[in-house]
Amino acid sequence: MYSKYFLTGATGFLGNAVVKELLQKNAEIYALVCPNDKLASELPENVRAVSGDVTDIDSLRSFFENADESSCVIHCAGIVSIASAPGKKLYDVNVGGTENILKLCLEHGVGKFIYVSSVHAIPEQPKGVTASEINNFSPNALQGDYAKSKAIATSLVLAAAECGLNASVVHPSGIIGPGDKGCGNITFMLKSYISGKLPLAVKGGYDFVDVRDVAHGIVSCSENGRKGECYILSGHYVTVRELLKTVRKLTNGKRILAHVSLGFAKIIAPFYEKRSLKKKEPLYFTPYSISVLGSNAAFSHQKASAELNYAPRSLKSTLSDTIKWMIKNGICLKPQKSR
């Protein structure tokens, strides 16, 4: 549908999956990469990498040089954080960066803009109620700076749509799957469990979705998404206990002996977060993450299924492929069979 695609965050976990989807199209692909990004060299040869920083609008002008009405801009770049105090940079990138990209999209009259938001931008519904898409976003109704930053940025995108930009928004749930080179919080938890270094788990759960399904949904949205509309790209709700039980079956791993309550987890989470920061380990056990695990994580992807032909694969399939990828890339050792 579009002859040119411009992708931010192309070397990230999700961005890399989107690149693979776009390679199936007969189109030019431009990838915005941060200066000194070590992963830029791993982009396919037919992807044109352009150096720039979303927080510096002048550095983005060369990226947009060939953008016009035949172009689709997919904005994946952003900071995902479950830290208690992520700092000013999170807002600079997630909000200021989105504002800069939107300005240049309007200047160049691009044909389509896709913003990758998050289900965290949608206020939590009462227990028993499934969340669906909304049109008005309020950061004051949300907990955590990451959620607030995504809500503010989503509002900017919808405002740009009202000003004439053909923009759509997607809201992925918890993204997991193969290809997480940055070893995010879920991948790190799986690594810890498979290597026998996860002493306990927390009760509660969340909705997780395969990164490849999200990438497919994003590209489909570029062709079928309606102007000014939002689409939830969720997967399947699973408790932490059920998730690790599935991993145990796939790896013949050891049983987690302790699953602590959310109440107890909330007490010890601040200390564990400080410990992880001190050791410079990825964060996955923080007050915010514990709050998320205890939230109502029921999300409907009915709208995306109807309009974007969106169909998330099974969680077991995702976990199986993730473990195989982790072993192949040396992120974890192949588990030994139990005797």
Protein backbone atom coordinates (compact mmCIF):
# COMPACT_ATOMS: atom_id res chain seq x y z
CA MET A 1 0.00 0.00 0.00
CA TYR A 2 2.92 2.32 0.75
CA SER A 3 6.12 2.40 -1.25
CA LYS A 4 8.22 3.67 1.67
CA TYR A 5 8.27 2.82 5.36
CA PHE A 6 10.08 4.85 8.01
CA LEU A 7 10.65 3.01 11.28
CA THR A 8 11.94 4.35 14.59
CA GLY A 9 13.33 1.98 17.20
CA ALA A 10 14.29 -0.43 14.43
CA THR A 11 17.05 -2.16 16.40
CA GLY A 12 14.88 -2.76 19.46
CA PHE A 13 13.03 -5.93 20.39
CA LEU A 14 9.77 -4.95 18.70
CA GLY A 15 11.39 -2.84 15.96
CA ASN A 16 13.47 -5.78 14.79
CA ALA A 17 10.32 -7.90 14.43
CA VAL A 18 8.61 -5.10 12.48
CA VAL A 19 11.60 -4.94 10.12
CA LYS A 20 11.15 -8.65 9.36
CA GLU A 21 7.48 -8.06 8.56
CA LEU A 22 8.27 -5.10 6.30
CA LEU A 23 10.90 -7.07 4.38
CA GLN A 24 8.05 -9.14 2.96
CA LYS A 25 6.78 -6.05 1.15
CA ASN A 26 8.10 -4.50 -2.03
CA ALA A 27 8.94 -1.21 -0.35
CA GLU A 28 11.86 0.97 0.68
CA ILE A 29 12.62 0.73 4.40
CA TYR A 30 14.31 3.52 6.34
CA ALA A 31 15.40 2.83 9.91
CA LEU A 32 16.16 5.52 12.47
CA VAL A 33 19.05 4.43 14.68
CA CYS A 34 20.61 6.24 17.60
CA PRO A 35 24.16 7.51 17.14
CA ASN A 36 26.68 4.80 18.12
CA ASP A 37 23.96 2.11 18.16
CA LYS A 38 25.98 -1.13 18.08
CA LEU A 39 23.02 -3.08 16.69
CA ALA A 40 22.67 -0.85 13.61
CA SER A 41 25.20 -3.01 11.76
CA GLU A 42 22.89 -6.01 12.19
CA LEU A 43 20.09 -4.47 10.14
CA PRO A 44 19.50 -6.16 6.76
CA GLU A 45 21.44 -4.71 3.83
CA ASN A 46 18.32 -3.47 2.08
CA VAL A 47 17.28 -1.41 5.12
CA ARG A 48 18.61 2.14 4.98
CA ALA A 49 19.86 3.14 8.42
CA VAL A 50 19.79 6.85 9.23
CA SER A 51 21.35 8.20 12.41
CA GLY A 52 19.22 10.46 14.59
CA ASP A 53 17.78 11.12 18.04
CA VAL A 54 14.03 11.46 18.56
CA THR A 55 14.63 14.07 21.26
CA ASP A 56 16.50 16.32 18.77
CA ILE A 57 14.19 17.37 15.94
CA ASP A 58 17.01 18.78 13.81
CA SER A 59 18.76 15.39 13.84
CA LEU A 60 15.58 13.82 12.43
CA ARG A 61 15.40 15.93 9.27
CA SER A 62 17.72 13.69 7.27
CA PHE A 63 15.59 10.69 8.29
CA PHE A 64 12.48 12.41 6.87
CA GLU A 65 14.24 13.71 3.76
CA ASN A 66 12.43 11.30 1.40
CA ALA A 67 9.15 11.09 3.33
CA ASP A 68 5.95 12.06 1.51
CA GLU A 69 2.35 10.98 0.91
CA SER A 70 3.56 7.56 -0.29
CA SER A 71 5.22 6.94 3.09
CA CYS A 72 4.15 5.24 6.30
CA VAL A 73 5.95 6.18 9.51
CA ILE A 74 5.92 3.59 12.30
CA HIS A 75 7.01 5.00 15.65
CA CYS A 76 8.29 2.14 17.83
CA ALA A 77 11.06 4.04 19.63
CA GLY A 78 10.48 4.54 23.32
CA ILE A 79 11.66 3.73 26.79
CA VAL A 80 9.89 0.92 28.63
CA SER A 81 10.48 1.09 32.35
CA ILE A 82 9.09 -0.55 35.47
CA ALA A 83 11.44 1.46 37.68
CA SER A 84 10.03 3.48 40.57
CA ALA A 85 11.93 6.57 39.44
CA PRO A 86 12.82 6.25 35.73
CA GLY A 87 13.84 9.90 35.46
CA LYS A 88 13.27 12.79 33.06
CA LYS A 89 14.66 10.95 30.03
CA LEU A 90 11.59 8.70 29.91
CA TYR A 91 9.36 11.72 29.25
CA ASP A 92 11.91 13.30 26.91
CA VAL A 93 11.86 10.21 24.71
CA ASN A 94 8.30 8.94 25.05
CA VAL A 95 6.55 12.30 24.96
CA GLY A 96 9.01 14.80 23.48
CA GLY A 97 10.28 12.30 20.91
CA THR A 98 6.74 11.48 19.76
CA GLU A 99 5.94 15.19 19.46
CA ASN A 100 9.00 15.72 17.25
CA ILE A 101 8.11 12.80 14.99
CA LEU A 102 4.53 14.08 14.66
CA LYS A 103 5.69 17.57 13.67
CA LEU A 104 7.81 16.19 10.86
CA CYS A 105 5.05 13.83 9.70
CA LEU A 106 2.75 16.83 9.32
CA GLU A 107 5.46 18.88 7.61
CA HIS A 108 6.10 16.17 5.03
CA GLY A 109 2.47 15.16 4.60
CA VAL A 110 3.13 11.48 5.14
CA GLY A 111 0.41 9.06 4.07
CA LYS A 112 0.16 7.13 7.35
CA PHE A 113 1.46 7.24 10.91
CA ILE A 114 1.37 4.35 13.38
CA TYR A 115 2.14 4.98 17.04
CA VAL A 116 3.06 2.08 19.31
CA SER A 117 1.49 2.96 22.64
CA SER A 118 0.76 0.43 25.41
CA VAL A 119 -2.19 -1.07 27.27
CA HIS A 120 -0.65 0.66 30.29
CA ALA A 121 -2.04 3.92 28.86
CA ILE A 122 -5.58 2.57 29.36
CA PRO A 123 -7.02 2.99 32.89
CA GLU A 124 -7.46 -0.24 34.80
CA GLN A 125 -11.02 -1.56 34.81
CA PRO A 126 -12.79 -3.03 37.85
CA LYS A 127 -12.24 -6.74 38.44
CA GLY A 128 -14.39 -8.76 36.08
CA VAL A 129 -14.53 -6.03 33.42
CA THR A 130 -12.55 -6.44 30.18
CA ALA A 131 -10.80 -3.31 28.95
CA SER A 132 -11.37 -2.17 25.39
CA GLU A 133 -10.20 0.83 23.36
CA ILE A 134 -10.78 4.39 24.60
CA ASN A 135 -10.54 7.80 22.90
CA ASN A 136 -9.52 10.06 25.78
CA PHE A 137 -6.34 9.51 27.77
CA SER A 138 -5.61 10.99 31.18
CA PRO A 139 -2.22 10.46 32.86
CA ASN A 140 -3.78 11.38 36.20
CA ALA A 141 -5.88 8.21 36.07
CA LEU A 142 -2.79 6.03 35.80
CA GLN A 143 -0.09 4.70 38.09
CA GLY A 144 3.59 4.87 37.14
CA ASP A 145 5.58 7.23 34.95
CA TYR A 146 5.77 4.80 32.04
CA ALA A 147 1.98 4.55 31.80
CA LYS A 148 1.59 8.31 32.18
CA SER A 149 4.14 9.05 29.45
CA LYS A 150 2.37 6.69 27.05
CA ALA A 151 -1.01 8.27 27.78
CA ILE A 152 0.33 11.77 27.11
CA ALA A 153 2.00 10.69 23.87
CA THR A 154 -1.15 8.88 22.70
CA SER A 155 -3.17 12.05 23.27
CA LEU A 156 -0.69 13.96 21.08
CA VAL A 157 -1.15 11.42 18.29
CA LEU A 158 -4.94 11.59 18.41
CA ALA A 159 -4.76 15.40 18.42
CA ALA A 160 -2.57 15.24 15.30
CA ALA A 161 -5.18 12.99 13.68
CA GLU A 162 -7.80 15.66 14.34
CA CYS A 163 -5.48 18.13 12.59
CA GLY A 164 -5.42 15.98 9.46
CA LEU A 165 -2.70 13.38 9.99
CA ASN A 166 -3.77 9.87 9.00
CA ALA A 167 -2.70 8.38 12.32
CA SER A 168 -3.62 5.18 14.16
CA VAL A 169 -2.53 3.84 17.56
CA VAL A 170 -1.80 0.29 18.68
CA HIS A 171 -1.73 -0.80 22.33
CA PRO A 172 0.33 -3.97 22.84
CA SER A 173 0.11 -5.82 26.16
CA GLY A 174 3.22 -7.43 27.72
CA ILE A 175 5.49 -8.22 24.77
CA ILE A 176 7.53 -11.42 24.97
CA GLY A 177 9.03 -13.84 22.48
CA PRO A 178 12.24 -14.71 20.65
CA GLY A 179 14.71 -12.00 19.67
CA ASP A 180 14.93 -10.06 22.94
CA LYS A 181 18.63 -9.18 22.67
CA GLY A 182 18.29 -6.61 25.44
CA CYS A 183 17.17 -9.34 27.84
CA GLY A 184 14.11 -7.53 29.16
CA ASN A 185 12.38 -8.30 32.44
CA ILE A 186 10.45 -11.41 31.29
CA THR A 187 13.38 -12.82 29.31
CA PHE A 188 15.62 -12.23 32.33
CA MET A 189 13.11 -14.02 34.57
CA LEU A 190 13.02 -16.99 32.18
CA LYS A 191 16.81 -17.03 32.08
CA SER A 192 16.96 -17.01 35.89
CA TYR A 193 14.42 -19.81 36.15
CA ILE A 194 16.01 -22.06 33.52
CA SER A 195 19.45 -21.61 35.11
CA GLY A 196 18.03 -22.47 38.54
CA LYS A 197 18.63 -18.99 39.97
CA LEU A 198 15.01 -17.96 40.52
CA PRO A 199 14.43 -18.68 44.23
CA LEU A 200 10.78 -17.63 44.31
CA ALA A 201 7.96 -16.31 42.18
CA VAL A 202 5.10 -13.93 42.82
CA LYS A 203 1.44 -14.73 42.70
CA GLY A 204 -0.59 -12.77 40.17
CA GLY A 205 -0.36 -12.59 36.40
CA TYR A 206 -0.64 -10.51 33.25
CA ASP A 207 -1.57 -10.58 29.57
CA PHE A 208 1.40 -11.48 27.38
CA VAL A 209 1.63 -11.30 23.60
CA ASP A 210 4.17 -12.60 21.08
CA VAL A 211 6.39 -9.89 19.59
CA ARG A 212 5.86 -11.38 16.12
CA ASP A 213 2.08 -11.05 16.44
CA VAL A 214 2.42 -7.44 17.54
CA ALA A 215 4.68 -6.72 14.56
CA HIS A 216 2.14 -8.30 12.22
CA GLY A 217 -0.64 -6.24 13.82
CA ILE A 218 1.36 -3.03 13.38
CA VAL A 219 2.01 -3.62 9.69
CA SER A 220 -1.61 -4.62 9.15
CA CYS A 221 -2.66 -1.42 10.91
CA SER A 222 -0.57 0.58 8.44
CA GLU A 223 -2.80 -0.78 5.68
CA ASN A 224 -6.15 -1.27 7.39
CA GLY A 225 -6.17 0.91 10.51
CA ARG A 226 -8.64 3.76 10.50
CA LYS A 227 -7.64 7.38 11.07
CA GLY A 228 -7.85 8.43 14.72
CA GLU A 229 -8.58 4.89 15.92
CA CYS A 230 -6.83 2.80 18.58
CA TYR A 231 -6.34 -0.98 18.52
CA ILE A 232 -5.45 -3.25 21.45
CA LEU A 233 -2.92 -5.93 20.49
CA SER A 234 -3.20 -8.27 23.46
CA GLY A 235 -2.50 -11.97 23.78
CA HIS A 236 -3.38 -14.31 26.63
CA TYR A 237 -3.68 -13.80 30.38
CA VAL A 238 -1.55 -16.15 32.43
CA THR A 239 -0.53 -16.28 36.05
CA VAL A 240 3.17 -16.35 36.89
CA ARG A 241 2.65 -19.83 38.34
CA GLU A 242 1.08 -21.10 35.10
CA LEU A 243 3.76 -19.45 32.98
CA LEU A 244 6.60 -21.08 34.91
CA LYS A 245 4.75 -24.39 34.94
CA THR A 246 4.65 -24.28 31.13
CA VAL A 247 8.36 -23.43 30.98
CA ARG A 248 9.08 -26.29 33.37
CA LYS A 249 7.32 -28.74 31.06
CA LEU A 250 9.19 -27.40 28.04
CA THR A 251 12.59 -27.59 29.73
CA ASN A 252 12.19 -30.41 32.26
CA GLY A 253 13.14 -27.80 34.82
CA LYS A 254 12.84 -27.69 38.57
CA ARG A 255 9.71 -26.71 40.41
CA ILE A 256 9.53 -23.25 42.00
CA LEU A 257 9.19 -24.01 45.69
CA ALA A 258 7.74 -20.68 46.82
CA HIS A 259 5.12 -18.36 45.33
CA VAL A 260 4.87 -15.36 47.62
CA SER A 261 1.71 -13.31 48.00
CA LEU A 262 1.37 -9.93 46.33
CA GLY A 263 1.10 -8.32 49.75
CA PHE A 264 4.46 -9.69 50.85
CA ALA A 265 5.97 -8.93 47.45
CA LYS A 266 4.97 -5.28 47.78
CA ILE A 267 6.92 -5.10 51.05
CA ILE A 268 10.16 -6.57 49.72
CA ALA A 269 10.00 -5.16 46.17
CA PRO A 270 11.64 -1.80 47.04
CA PHE A 271 14.63 -3.57 48.54
CA TYR A 272 14.95 -5.96 45.59
CA GLU A 273 14.78 -3.03 43.15
CA LYS A 274 17.64 -1.27 44.97
CA ARG A 275 19.64 -4.52 44.90
CA SER A 276 19.11 -4.95 41.16
CA LEU A 277 20.07 -1.33 40.45
CA LYS A 278 23.21 -1.73 42.53
CA LYS A 279 24.18 -4.90 40.63
CA LYS A 280 23.13 -3.28 37.31
CA GLU A 281 20.78 -6.17 36.60
CA PRO A 282 17.59 -5.85 34.52
CA LEU A 283 14.61 -4.90 36.66
CA TYR A 284 11.71 -7.31 36.92
CA PHE A 285 10.86 -7.21 40.65
CA THR A 286 9.86 -3.64 41.51
CA PRO A 287 6.88 -2.03 43.27
CA TYR A 288 5.44 -1.08 39.88
CA SER A 289 5.81 -4.57 38.40
CA ILE A 290 4.16 -6.10 41.47
CA SER A 291 1.30 -3.64 41.12
CA VAL A 292 0.89 -4.66 37.47
CA LEU A 293 0.79 -8.37 38.38
CA GLY A 294 -2.04 -7.64 40.78
CA SER A 295 -4.03 -5.52 38.36
CA ASN A 296 -6.98 -6.47 36.19
CA ALA A 297 -5.13 -7.41 33.00
CA ALA A 298 -8.16 -8.43 30.95
CA PHE A 299 -7.88 -6.80 27.52
CA SER A 300 -10.02 -7.34 24.44
CA HIS A 301 -8.39 -7.54 21.02
CA GLN A 302 -11.76 -8.03 19.31
CA LYS A 303 -11.48 -4.76 17.38
CA ALA A 304 -8.00 -5.59 16.08
CA SER A 305 -9.13 -9.09 15.12
CA ALA A 306 -12.08 -7.71 13.18
CA GLU A 307 -10.29 -4.87 11.41
CA LEU A 308 -6.62 -5.92 11.27
CA ASN A 309 -6.98 -9.69 10.89
CA TYR A 310 -5.14 -9.99 14.20
CA ALA A 311 -4.86 -13.47 15.73
CA PRO A 312 -2.29 -14.03 18.52
CA ARG A 313 -0.70 -17.46 18.69
CA SER A 314 -0.75 -19.65 21.80
CA LEU A 315 1.41 -18.72 24.77
CA LYS A 316 2.94 -22.21 24.79
CA SER A 317 4.15 -21.71 21.22
CA THR A 318 5.65 -18.34 22.14
CA LEU A 319 7.46 -19.74 25.18
CA SER A 320 8.77 -22.72 23.22
CA ASP A 321 10.20 -20.51 20.48
CA THR A 322 11.62 -18.10 23.05
CA ILE A 323 13.46 -20.84 24.94
CA LYS A 324 14.86 -22.27 21.70
CA TRP A 325 16.09 -18.81 20.71
CA MET A 326 17.64 -18.20 24.14
CA ILE A 327 19.54 -21.51 24.00
CA LYS A 328 20.67 -20.92 20.41
CA ASN A 329 22.01 -17.47 21.27
CA GLY A 330 23.73 -18.52 24.49
CA ILE A 331 21.42 -16.56 26.78
CA CYS A 332 20.78 -19.72 28.75
CA LEU A 333 22.18 -23.23 28.67
CA LYS A 334 20.17 -26.17 27.39
CA PRO A 335 18.47 -27.64 30.48
CA GLN A 336 19.44 -31.13 31.54
CA LYS A 337 16.65 -33.67 31.66
CA SER A 338 15.38 -34.48 35.13
CA ARG A 339 16.18 -37.93 36.43
